[in-house]
C-alpha atoms as a PDB file:
ATOM      1  CA  UNK A   1       7.108   0.502 -25.123  1.00  0.00           C
ATOM      2  CA  UNK A   2       3.671   0.445 -23.895  1.00  0.00           C
ATOM      3  CA  UNK A   3       1.114  -2.598 -23.552  1.00  0.00           C
ATOM      4  CA  UNK A   4      -1.953  -1.689 -21.843  1.00  0.00           C
ATOM      5  CA  UNK A   5      -4.026  -4.915 -22.773  1.00  0.00           C
ATOM      6  CA  UNK A   6      -2.974  -6.103 -19.381  1.00  0.00           C
ATOM      7  CA  UNK A   7      -2.117  -4.003 -16.316  1.00  0.00           C
ATOM      8  CA  UNK A   8      -0.926  -0.921 -18.101  1.00  0.00           C
ATOM      9  CA  UNK A   9       2.895  -2.631 -18.076  1.00  0.00           C
ATOM     10  CA  UNK A  10       6.113  -1.479 -19.826  1.00  0.00           C
ATOM     11  CA  UNK A  11       8.640  -3.974 -20.742  1.00  0.00           C
ATOM     12  CA  UNK A  12      11.983  -3.224 -20.096  1.00  0.00           C
ATOM     13  CA  UNK A  13      14.556  -4.210 -22.575  1.00  0.00           C
ATOM     14  CA  UNK A  14      17.381  -5.184 -19.303  1.00  0.00           C
ATOM     15  CA  UNK A  15      14.823  -7.186 -17.773  1.00  0.00           C
ATOM     16  CA  UNK A  16      12.546 -10.321 -18.869  1.00  0.00           C
ATOM     17  CA  UNK A  17      10.228  -8.942 -15.744  1.00  0.00           C
ATOM     18  CA  UNK A  18       7.367  -6.714 -16.415  1.00  0.00           C
ATOM     19  CA  UNK A  19       7.046  -3.031 -15.336  1.00  0.00           C
ATOM     20  CA  UNK A  20       4.300  -2.124 -13.992  1.00  0.00           C
ATOM     21  CA  UNK A  21       3.421   1.740 -13.054  1.00  0.00           C
ATOM     22  CA  UNK A  22      -0.515   0.725 -12.382  1.00  0.00           C
ATOM     23  CA  UNK A  23      -2.818  -1.556 -12.508  1.00  0.00           C
ATOM     24  CA  UNK A  24      -5.547  -1.697 -14.927  1.00  0.00           C
ATOM     25  CA  UNK A  25      -7.322  -5.027 -15.086  1.00  0.00           C
ATOM     26  CA  UNK A  26     -10.687  -4.748 -16.833  1.00  0.00           C
ATOM     27  CA  UNK A  27     -13.753  -4.507 -14.407  1.00  0.00           C
ATOM     28  CA  UNK A  28     -11.877  -4.675 -11.602  1.00  0.00           C
ATOM     29  CA  UNK A  29     -11.170  -1.211 -10.011  1.00  0.00           C
ATOM     30  CA  UNK A  30      -8.715  -0.698  -7.295  1.00  0.00           C
ATOM     31  CA  UNK A  31     -10.001   0.766  -3.795  1.00  0.00           C
ATOM     32  CA  UNK A  32      -7.138   2.810  -3.813  1.00  0.00           C
ATOM     33  CA  UNK A  33      -3.957   3.957  -5.373  1.00  0.00           C
ATOM     34  CA  UNK A  34      -1.042   5.261  -3.021  1.00  0.00           C
ATOM     35  CA  UNK A  35       1.935   6.572  -4.305  1.00  0.00           C
ATOM     36  CA  UNK A  36       3.338   3.327  -4.900  1.00  0.00           C
ATOM     37  CA  UNK A  37       0.602   0.679  -4.158  1.00  0.00           C
ATOM     38  CA  UNK A  38      -2.840  -0.138  -6.118  1.00  0.00           C
ATOM     39  CA  UNK A  39      -5.301  -2.080  -3.477  1.00  0.00           C
ATOM     40  CA  UNK A  40      -8.084  -4.049  -4.240  1.00  0.00           C
ATOM     41  CA  UNK A  41     -10.641  -4.886  -1.761  1.00  0.00           C
ATOM     42  CA  UNK A  42     -11.887  -8.253  -1.588  1.00  0.00           C
ATOM     43  CA  UNK A  43     -14.457  -7.633   1.748  1.00  0.00           C
ATOM     44  CA  UNK A  44     -12.692  -9.445   4.449  1.00  0.00           C
ATOM     45  CA  UNK A  45      -9.118  -9.842   2.558  1.00  0.00           C
ATOM     46  CA  UNK A  46      -6.959  -6.827   1.053  1.00  0.00           C
ATOM     47  CA  UNK A  47      -4.952  -7.698  -2.966  1.00  0.00           C
ATOM     48  CA  UNK A  48      -1.716  -5.202  -2.414  1.00  0.00           C
ATOM     49  CA  UNK A  49       0.211  -4.564  -5.456  1.00  0.00           C
ATOM     50  CA  UNK A  50       3.332  -2.757  -5.537  1.00  0.00           C
ATOM     51  CA  UNK A  51       4.107  -1.216  -8.731  1.00  0.00           C
ATOM     52  CA  UNK A  52       6.923   0.233 -10.099  1.00  0.00           C
ATOM     53  CA  UNK A  53       6.125   3.891  -8.818  1.00  0.00           C
ATOM     54  CA  UNK A  54       8.633   6.082  -7.453  1.00  0.00           C
ATOM     55  CA  UNK A  55       7.677   8.944  -5.398  1.00  0.00           C
ATOM     56  CA  UNK A  56      10.287  12.008  -4.814  1.00  0.00           C
ATOM     57  CA  UNK A  57       9.604  15.184  -2.460  1.00  0.00           C
ATOM     58  CA  UNK A  58       5.961  14.063  -2.504  1.00  0.00           C
ATOM     59  CA  UNK A  59       5.479  13.810  -6.193  1.00  0.00           C
ATOM     60  CA  UNK A  60       4.617  10.364  -8.242  1.00  0.00           C
ATOM     61  CA  UNK A  61       7.712  10.382 -11.220  1.00  0.00           C
ATOM     62  CA  UNK A  62       6.050   9.293 -14.745  1.00  0.00           C
ATOM     63  CA  UNK A  63       8.763   6.979 -15.552  1.00  0.00           C
ATOM     64  CA  UNK A  64       8.371   3.603 -13.102  1.00  0.00           C
ATOM     65  CA  UNK A  65      11.997   1.874 -11.769  1.00  0.00           C
ATOM     66  CA  UNK A  66      12.123  -1.890 -12.782  1.00  0.00           C
ATOM     67  CA  UNK A  67      12.060  -4.346 -10.316  1.00  0.00           C
ATOM     68  CA  UNK A  68      11.295  -1.571  -7.874  1.00  0.00           C
ATOM     69  CA  UNK A  69       7.867  -3.226  -6.662  1.00  0.00           C
ATOM     70  CA  UNK A  70       9.243  -6.870  -6.382  1.00  0.00           C
ATOM     71  CA  UNK A  71      12.198  -5.859  -4.351  1.00  0.00           C
ATOM     72  CA  UNK A  72       9.382  -3.641  -1.997  1.00  0.00           C
ATOM     73  CA  UNK A  73       7.395  -6.967  -1.932  1.00  0.00           C
ATOM     74  CA  UNK A  74       9.731  -9.918  -1.614  1.00  0.00           C
ATOM     75  CA  UNK A  75      12.022  -7.897   0.777  1.00  0.00           C
ATOM     76  CA  UNK A  76       8.361  -7.108   3.237  1.00  0.00           C
ATOM     77  CA  UNK A  77       7.951 -11.133   3.001  1.00  0.00           C
ATOM     78  CA  UNK A  78      11.488 -11.878   4.310  1.00  0.00           C
ATOM     79  CA  UNK A  79      11.311  -9.177   6.941  1.00  0.00           C
ATOM     80  CA  UNK A  80       7.634 -11.008   7.961  1.00  0.00           C
ATOM     81  CA  UNK A  81       9.110 -14.026   8.214  1.00  0.00           C
ATOM     82  CA  UNK A  82      12.376 -13.248   9.990  1.00  0.00           C
ATOM     83  CA  UNK A  83      10.557 -11.549  12.529  1.00  0.00           C
ATOM     84  CA  UNK A  84       7.278 -12.940  12.886  1.00  0.00           C
ATOM     85  CA  UNK A  85       7.693 -13.919  16.322  1.00  0.00           C
ATOM     86  CA  UNK A  86       8.106 -10.141  17.616  1.00  0.00           C
ATOM     87  CA  UNK A  87       4.280  -9.833  16.002  1.00  0.00           C
ATOM     88  CA  UNK A  88       1.957 -11.922  14.044  1.00  0.00           C
ATOM     89  CA  UNK A  89       1.933  -9.924  10.193  1.00  0.00           C
ATOM     90  CA  UNK A  90      -1.586  -9.546   7.600  1.00  0.00           C
ATOM     91  CA  UNK A  91      -0.016 -11.763   5.001  1.00  0.00           C
ATOM     92  CA  UNK A  92      -2.318 -14.339   3.969  1.00  0.00           C
ATOM     93  CA  UNK A  93      -0.655 -15.647   0.626  1.00  0.00           C
ATOM     94  CA  UNK A  94       1.825 -14.171  -1.958  1.00  0.00           C
ATOM     95  CA  UNK A  95       1.525 -16.532  -4.719  1.00  0.00           C
ATOM     96  CA  UNK A  96      -1.581 -17.614  -5.740  1.00  0.00           C
ATOM     97  CA  UNK A  97      -4.551 -14.767  -5.865  1.00  0.00           C
ATOM     98  CA  UNK A  98      -8.484 -15.559  -6.116  1.00  0.00           C
ATOM     99  CA  UNK A  99     -10.466 -15.216  -9.132  1.00  0.00           C
ATOM    100  CA  UNK A 100     -10.641 -12.956 -11.197  1.00  0.00           C
ATOM    101  CA  UNK A 101      -7.064 -11.823 -10.445  1.00  0.00           C
ATOM    102  CA  UNK A 102      -5.650 -15.351 -11.170  1.00  0.00           C
ATOM    103  CA  UNK A 103      -6.471 -14.467 -14.462  1.00  0.00           C
ATOM    104  CA  UNK A 104      -3.343 -11.838 -14.326  1.00  0.00           C
ATOM    105  CA  UNK A 105      -0.864 -13.957 -12.510  1.00  0.00           C
ATOM    106  CA  UNK A 106       1.946 -12.879 -14.817  1.00  0.00           C
ATOM    107  CA  UNK A 107       1.071  -9.139 -13.734  1.00  0.00           C
ATOM    108  CA  UNK A 108       0.842  -9.602 -10.079  1.00  0.00           C
ATOM    109  CA  UNK A 109       3.582 -12.380  -9.473  1.00  0.00           C
ATOM    110  CA  UNK A 110       6.580 -11.364  -7.279  1.00  0.00           C
ATOM    111  CA  UNK A 111       4.762  -7.895  -6.572  1.00  0.00           C
ATOM    112  CA  UNK A 112       1.415  -9.222  -4.813  1.00  0.00           C
ATOM    113  CA  UNK A 113       0.575  -9.946  -1.396  1.00  0.00           C
ATOM    114  CA  UNK A 114      -2.995 -10.943  -0.977  1.00  0.00           C
ATOM    115  CA  UNK A 115      -3.704 -10.100   3.262  1.00  0.00           C
ATOM    116  CA  UNK A 116      -6.141  -9.742   5.775  1.00  0.00           C
ATOM    117  CA  UNK A 117      -8.126  -6.741   6.248  1.00  0.00           C
ATOM    118  CA  UNK A 118      -7.121  -4.805   9.505  1.00  0.00           C
ATOM    119  CA  UNK A 119      -7.898  -1.267  11.114  1.00  0.00           C
ATOM    120  CA  UNK A 120      -4.822   0.536  10.529  1.00  0.00           C
ATOM    121  CA  UNK A 121      -3.877   2.551  13.413  1.00  0.00           C
ATOM    122  CA  UNK A 122      -4.220   6.013  12.562  1.00  0.00           C
ATOM    123  CA  UNK A 123      -0.651   7.122  13.524  1.00  0.00           C
ATOM    124  CA  UNK A 124       3.040   6.028  11.868  1.00  0.00           C
ATOM    125  CA  UNK A 125       5.139   4.167  14.366  1.00  0.00           C
ATOM    126  CA  UNK A 126       9.010   5.117  13.815  1.00  0.00           C
ATOM    127  CA  UNK A 127      11.619   3.661  15.135  1.00  0.00           C
ATOM    128  CA  UNK A 128      15.390   6.134  14.991  1.00  0.00           C
ATOM    129  CA  UNK A 129      18.855   4.918  15.909  1.00  0.00           C
ATOM    130  CA  UNK A 130      20.411   7.962  13.687  1.00  0.00           C
ATOM    131  CA  UNK A 131      19.916  11.497  13.917  1.00  0.00           C
ATOM    132  CA  UNK A 132      18.543  12.166  10.303  1.00  0.00           C
ATOM    133  CA  UNK A 133      15.927  14.113   8.063  1.00  0.00           C
ATOM    134  CA  UNK A 134      13.098  15.451  10.143  1.00  0.00           C
ATOM    135  CA  UNK A 135      14.421  14.436  13.126  1.00  0.00           C
ATOM    136  CA  UNK A 136      17.763  16.373  12.423  1.00  0.00           C
ATOM    137  CA  UNK A 137      16.082  19.279  11.610  1.00  0.00           C
ATOM    138  CA  UNK A 138      13.735  18.907  15.212  1.00  0.00           C
ATOM    139  CA  UNK A 139      16.949  18.845  17.195  1.00  0.00           C
ATOM    140  CA  UNK A 140      18.793  22.013  15.556  1.00  0.00           C
ATOM    141  CA  UNK A 141      15.740  23.433  16.644  1.00  0.00           C
ATOM    142  CA  UNK A 142      15.035  22.198  19.738  1.00  0.00           C
ATOM    143  CA  UNK A 143      17.392  19.750  20.812  1.00  0.00           C
ATOM    144  CA  UNK A 144      14.544  17.534  21.145  1.00  0.00           C
ATOM    145  CA  UNK A 145      12.828  14.857  18.983  1.00  0.00           C
ATOM    146  CA  UNK A 146       9.110  14.179  19.778  1.00  0.00           C
ATOM    147  CA  UNK A 147       9.169  15.689  22.939  1.00  0.00           C
ATOM    148  CA  UNK A 148      12.334  13.381  24.061  1.00  0.00           C
ATOM    149  CA  UNK A 149      15.557  15.366  25.186  1.00  0.00           C
ATOM    150  CA  UNK A 150      18.955  14.334  23.482  1.00  0.00           C
ATOM    151  CA  UNK A 151      22.373  15.445  24.788  1.00  0.00           C
ATOM    152  CA  UNK A 152      23.684  18.213  23.302  1.00  0.00           C
ATOM    153  CA  UNK A 153      26.545  18.932  20.880  1.00  0.00           C
ATOM    154  CA  UNK A 154      25.312  15.681  18.373  1.00  0.00           C
ATOM    155  CA  UNK A 155      25.873  16.378  14.659  1.00  0.00           C
ATOM    156  CA  UNK A 156      23.796  15.247  11.517  1.00  0.00           C
ATOM    157  CA  UNK A 157      23.821  11.477  11.071  1.00  0.00           C
ATOM    158  CA  UNK A 158      25.276  10.930  14.603  1.00  0.00           C
ATOM    159  CA  UNK A 159      23.986   7.391  16.260  1.00  0.00           C
ATOM    160  CA  UNK A 160      21.271   8.131  18.978  1.00  0.00           C
ATOM    161  CA  UNK A 161      22.145   7.227  22.557  1.00  0.00           C
ATOM    162  CA  UNK A 162      19.623   4.273  22.322  1.00  0.00           C
ATOM    163  CA  UNK A 163      16.532   4.139  19.847  1.00  0.00           C
ATOM    164  CA  UNK A 164      13.821   6.392  20.094  1.00  0.00           C
ATOM    165  CA  UNK A 165      10.342   5.899  19.399  1.00  0.00           C
ATOM    166  CA  UNK A 166       8.924   8.588  17.238  1.00  0.00           C
ATOM    167  CA  UNK A 167       5.426   8.704  16.016  1.00  0.00           C
ATOM    168  CA  UNK A 168       3.790  10.760  13.276  1.00  0.00           C
ATOM    169  CA  UNK A 169       0.370  11.871  11.941  1.00  0.00           C
ATOM    170  CA  UNK A 170      -0.655  10.468   8.679  1.00  0.00           C
ATOM    171  CA  UNK A 171      -0.574  13.216   6.308  1.00  0.00           C
ATOM    172  CA  UNK A 172      -3.271  12.856   3.324  1.00  0.00           C
ATOM    173  CA  UNK A 173      -0.818  15.185   1.298  1.00  0.00           C
ATOM    174  CA  UNK A 174       2.721  16.333   1.808  1.00  0.00           C
ATOM    175  CA  UNK A 175       4.949  15.131   5.032  1.00  0.00           C
ATOM    176  CA  UNK A 176       3.629  13.603   8.261  1.00  0.00           C
ATOM    177  CA  UNK A 177       4.142  15.356  11.340  1.00  0.00           C
ATOM    178  CA  UNK A 178       6.254  14.164  14.332  1.00  0.00           C
ATOM    179  CA  UNK A 179       4.154  14.066  17.597  1.00  0.00           C
ATOM    180  CA  UNK A 180       5.072  13.346  21.128  1.00  0.00           C
ATOM    181  CA  UNK A 181       4.001   9.760  22.819  1.00  0.00           C
ATOM    182  CA  UNK A 182       1.615  11.795  24.927  1.00  0.00           C
ATOM    183  CA  UNK A 183      -0.222  13.201  22.079  1.00  0.00           C
ATOM    184  CA  UNK A 184       0.331   9.177  20.018  1.00  0.00           C
ATOM    185  CA  UNK A 185      -1.472   7.928  23.349  1.00  0.00           C
ATOM    186  CA  UNK A 186      -4.378  10.181  23.531  1.00  0.00           C
ATOM    187  CA  UNK A 187      -4.954   9.074  19.943  1.00  0.00           C
ATOM    188  CA  UNK A 188      -4.355   5.498  20.271  1.00  0.00           C
ATOM    189  CA  UNK A 189      -5.172   5.057  24.375  1.00  0.00           C
ATOM    190  CA  UNK A 190      -2.359   4.446  26.573  1.00  0.00           C
ATOM    191  CA  UNK A 191      -2.296   0.458  26.298  1.00  0.00           C
ATOM    192  CA  UNK A 192      -2.349   0.649  22.880  1.00  0.00           C
ATOM    193  CA  UNK A 193       0.258   3.242  22.178  1.00  0.00           C
ATOM    194  CA  UNK A 194       2.707   1.825  24.592  1.00  0.00           C
ATOM    195  CA  UNK A 195       2.000  -1.803  23.133  1.00  0.00           C
ATOM    196  CA  UNK A 196       2.799  -0.134  19.421  1.00  0.00           C
ATOM    197  CA  UNK A 197       5.919   1.690  20.541  1.00  0.00           C
ATOM    198  CA  UNK A 198       7.160  -1.760  22.436  1.00  0.00           C
ATOM    199  CA  UNK A 199       6.822  -3.737  19.642  1.00  0.00           C
ATOM    200  CA  UNK A 200       8.310  -1.214  17.067  1.00  0.00           C
ATOM    201  CA  UNK A 201      11.450  -0.788  19.343  1.00  0.00           C
ATOM    202  CA  UNK A 202      11.723  -4.367  19.465  1.00  0.00           C
ATOM    203  CA  UNK A 203      11.601  -4.839  15.219  1.00  0.00           C
ATOM    204  CA  UNK A 204      13.869  -2.154  14.623  1.00  0.00           C
ATOM    205  CA  UNK A 205      16.473  -3.601  17.212  1.00  0.00           C
ATOM    206  CA  UNK A 206      16.345  -6.890  15.984  1.00  0.00           C
ATOM    207  CA  UNK A 207      16.754  -5.822  12.402  1.00  0.00           C
ATOM    208  CA  UNK A 208      19.509  -3.362  13.046  1.00  0.00           C
ATOM    209  CA  UNK A 209      21.147  -6.710  14.574  1.00  0.00           C
ATOM    210  CA  UNK A 210      20.533  -8.491  11.415  1.00  0.00           C
ATOM    211  CA  UNK A 211      21.585  -5.853   9.120  1.00  0.00           C
ATOM    212  CA  UNK A 212      24.668  -4.444  10.619  1.00  0.00           C
ATOM    213  CA  UNK A 213      26.851  -7.427  10.429  1.00  0.00           C
ATOM    214  CA  UNK A 214      25.852  -7.578   6.579  1.00  0.00           C
ATOM    215  CA  UNK A 215      27.189  -4.516   6.068  1.00  0.00           C
ATOM    216  CA  UNK A 216      23.881  -1.978   5.996  1.00  0.00           C
ATOM    217  CA  UNK A 217      23.343   0.829   8.816  1.00  0.00           C
ATOM    218  CA  UNK A 218      19.143   1.192   9.593  1.00  0.00           C
ATOM    219  CA  UNK A 219      19.221   4.662  10.436  1.00  0.00           C
ATOM    220  CA  UNK A 220      15.546   4.503  10.920  1.00  0.00           C
ATOM    221  CA  UNK A 221      12.287   2.969   9.798  1.00  0.00           C
ATOM    222  CA  UNK A 222       8.633   3.157   9.759  1.00  0.00           C
ATOM    223  CA  UNK A 223       6.011   0.636  10.681  1.00  0.00           C
ATOM    224  CA  UNK A 224       2.113   0.269  10.180  1.00  0.00           C
ATOM    225  CA  UNK A 225       0.128  -1.910  12.373  1.00  0.00           C
ATOM    226  CA  UNK A 226      -3.388  -2.576  12.027  1.00  0.00           C
ATOM    227  CA  UNK A 227      -6.304  -3.932  14.191  1.00  0.00           C
ATOM    228  CA  UNK A 228      -8.218  -7.074  13.914  1.00  0.00           C
ATOM    229  CA  UNK A 229     -10.255  -8.520  16.417  1.00  0.00           C
ATOM    230  CA  UNK A 230      -8.678  -6.889  18.835  1.00  0.00           C
ATOM    231  CA  UNK A 231      -5.100  -8.197  18.195  1.00  0.00           C
ATOM    232  CA  UNK A 232      -2.269  -6.231  16.427  1.00  0.00           C
ATOM    233  CA  UNK A 233      -1.045  -6.775  13.451  1.00  0.00           C
ATOM    234  CA  UNK A 234       2.185  -5.802  11.518  1.00  0.00           C
ATOM    235  CA  UNK A 235       0.734  -4.582   8.167  1.00  0.00           C
ATOM    236  CA  UNK A 236       1.945  -2.772   4.912  1.00  0.00           C
ATOM    237  CA  UNK A 237       5.351  -2.946   4.403  1.00  0.00           C
ATOM    238  CA  UNK A 238       8.399  -4.390   6.380  1.00  0.00           C
ATOM    239  CA  UNK A 239      12.108  -2.538   6.225  1.00  0.00           C
ATOM    240  CA  UNK A 240      12.296  -1.716   3.102  1.00  0.00           C
ATOM    241  CA  UNK A 241      14.200   1.168   0.914  1.00  0.00           C
ATOM    242  CA  UNK A 242      11.117   3.093   0.900  1.00  0.00           C
ATOM    243  CA  UNK A 243      10.033   2.889   4.522  1.00  0.00           C
ATOM    244  CA  UNK A 244      13.912   2.643   5.897  1.00  0.00           C
ATOM    245  CA  UNK A 245      16.922   4.529   5.846  1.00  0.00           C
ATOM    246  CA  UNK A 246      19.532   1.854   4.705  1.00  0.00           C
ATOM    247  CA  UNK A 247      23.294   3.370   4.735  1.00  0.00           C
ATOM    248  CA  UNK A 248      26.394   1.177   3.983  1.00  0.00           C
ATOM    249  CA  UNK A 249      28.279   0.796   7.231  1.00  0.00           C
ATOM    250  CA  UNK A 250      31.617   0.999   5.444  1.00  0.00           C
ATOM    251  CA  UNK A 251      30.560   4.665   3.659  1.00  0.00           C
ATOM    252  CA  UNK A 252      29.847   5.613   7.285  1.00  0.00           C
ATOM    253  CA  UNK A 253      30.474   9.441   8.225  1.00  0.00           C
ATOM    254  CA  UNK A 254      28.820  11.016  10.980  1.00  0.00           C
ATOM    255  CA  UNK A 255      28.468  14.894  10.539  1.00  0.00           C
ATOM    256  CA  UNK A 256      26.805  15.080   7.253  1.00  0.00           C
ATOM    257  CA  UNK A 257      24.109  13.319   4.905  1.00  0.00           C
ATOM    258  CA  UNK A 258      24.719   9.402   4.131  1.00  0.00           C
ATOM    259  CA  UNK A 259      24.509   7.753   0.896  1.00  0.00           C
ATOM    260  CA  UNK A 260      21.757   5.152   1.008  1.00  0.00           C
ATOM    261  CA  UNK A 261      20.116   2.302  -0.722  1.00  0.00           C
ATOM    262  CA  UNK A 262      16.713   4.465  -2.056  1.00  0.00           C
ATOM    263  CA  UNK A 263      15.877   7.260  -4.431  1.00  0.00           C
ATOM    264  CA  UNK A 264      18.785   9.274  -3.922  1.00  0.00           C
ATOM    265  CA  UNK A 265      20.076   9.159  -7.207  1.00  0.00           C
ATOM    266  CA  UNK A 266      16.614  10.514  -8.559  1.00  0.00           C
ATOM    267  CA  UNK A 267      16.398  13.374  -5.402  1.00  0.00           C
ATOM    268  CA  UNK A 268      20.120  14.451  -6.716  1.00  0.00           C
ATOM    269  CA  UNK A 269      19.243  14.578 -10.450  1.00  0.00           C
ATOM    270  CA  UNK A 270      15.760  16.602  -9.611  1.00  0.00           C
ATOM    271  CA  UNK A 271      17.658  18.882  -7.518  1.00  0.00           C
ATOM    272  CA  UNK A 272      20.328  19.254 -10.006  1.00  0.00           C
ATOM    273  CA  UNK A 273      17.970  20.515 -12.537  1.00  0.00           C
ATOM    274  CA  UNK A 274      16.225  22.524 -10.423  1.00  0.00           C
ATOM    275  CA  UNK A 275      12.746  20.742 -10.851  1.00  0.00           C
ATOM    276  CA  UNK A 276      10.443  23.063  -8.505  1.00  0.00           C
ATOM    277  CA  UNK A 277       9.268  20.259  -6.485  1.00  0.00           C
ATOM    278  CA  UNK A 278       5.873  20.467  -7.783  1.00  0.00           C
ATOM    279  CA  UNK A 279       3.478  18.158  -9.784  1.00  0.00           C
ATOM    280  CA  UNK A 280       4.186  16.856 -12.546  1.00  0.00           C
ATOM    281  CA  UNK A 281       7.743  15.377 -12.173  1.00  0.00           C
ATOM    282  CA  UNK A 282       9.963  15.379 -15.064  1.00  0.00           C
ATOM    283  CA  UNK A 283      10.704  12.117 -17.225  1.00  0.00           C
ATOM    284  CA  UNK A 284      14.023  10.459 -15.386  1.00  0.00           C
ATOM    285  CA  UNK A 285      16.776   9.530 -17.756  1.00  0.00           C
ATOM    286  CA  UNK A 286      18.110   6.115 -18.141  1.00  0.00           C
ATOM    287  CA  UNK A 287      21.142   6.329 -16.651  1.00  0.00           C
ATOM    288  CA  UNK A 288      19.098   7.617 -13.304  1.00  0.00           C
ATOM    289  CA  UNK A 289      16.576   4.692 -13.669  1.00  0.00           C
ATOM    290  CA  UNK A 290      19.007   2.199 -14.211  1.00  0.00           C
ATOM    291  CA  UNK A 291      21.080   3.393 -10.964  1.00  0.00           C
ATOM    292  CA  UNK A 292      17.837   3.450  -8.777  1.00  0.00           C
ATOM    293  CA  UNK A 293      17.398  -0.107 -10.000  1.00  0.00           C
ATOM    294  CA  UNK A 294      20.360  -1.430  -8.837  1.00  0.00           C
ATOM    295  CA  UNK A 295      20.329   0.312  -5.474  1.00  0.00           C
ATOM    296  CA  UNK A 296      16.894  -1.348  -5.092  1.00  0.00           C
ATOM    297  CA  UNK A 297      18.339  -4.730  -6.220  1.00  0.00           C
ATOM    298  CA  UNK A 298      21.508  -4.133  -4.179  1.00  0.00           C
ATOM    299  CA  UNK A 299      19.774  -3.393  -0.831  1.00  0.00           C
ATOM    300  CA  UNK A 300      17.539  -6.635  -1.354  1.00  0.00           C
ATOM    301  CA  UNK A 301      20.726  -8.405  -2.216  1.00  0.00           C
ATOM    302  CA  UNK A 302      22.575  -7.668   0.848  1.00  0.00           C
ATOM    303  CA  UNK A 303      20.011  -8.433   3.237  1.00  0.00           C
ATOM    304  CA  UNK A 304      18.330 -11.829   1.561  1.00  0.00           C
ATOM    305  CA  UNK A 305      21.718 -13.587   0.768  1.00  0.00           C
ATOM    306  CA  UNK A 306      20.857 -14.154  -3.096  1.00  0.00           C
ATOM    307  CA  UNK A 307      19.736 -12.061  -6.299  1.00  0.00           C
ATOM    308  CA  UNK A 308      15.990 -10.830  -6.565  1.00  0.00           C
ATOM    309  CA  UNK A 309      14.839 -13.865  -8.990  1.00  0.00           C
END
């Protein structure tokens, strides 16, 4: 059931929480709509709303995933707080919003962050501890990842000898492109690139040390950083199933792809129906939606230690 009077929301029969595919508040236009987030520009601040949209193969699906936006936001807030001694973050508030957004608090609750506006770095900062995804393809082709030579004979999903920093360009459409550190330094300047690399690897190591005893392997993750008055801040999202590969440790078997706490059910379904991976995306069946929702919630429960409220 769709109710467009406040926030283009639909209400799931299985949850009292609102399902928000996109926000449409009267007289308030977002400055940008990403694959998942609607962003409102408030001058020196931004209001970032994590919707329940899901993209697969770079196409946003028409069917939202209940609780997804709340998982992304609440898990990000958890990590921002847990690792705040590594680097300051951009969050100002996640429960109270300035007028006129306070009128829509019921729609924004749990999925929204009021943050400081920064100048985002023009690269993605990626840490990898395992050989998977684009890094596996790159290693098979050259024996290297982002110019970093790796030992011969590694297989898919193998653990790397040590975590590596693999920066990437930010693609407006399609996939980001992995680049060597030297190219990242040419974009950012050597000192800032070295700082971004150091912070990325430290955040990754700390997150791995937290997650692994709880039964989750953090294969890789993407960070965003921004500059504000010359200071580097951690921005966007933090160690979520959308920005990271979380693998259940008990099922880890190197040598192939791993089960994960993300949208794998959606990807598998789309492959099964032989969707051509071009817009528009197909409607997702209820069982795929329910399984995907459960995976996002399970990742939250394991990492935070309690169910999503």
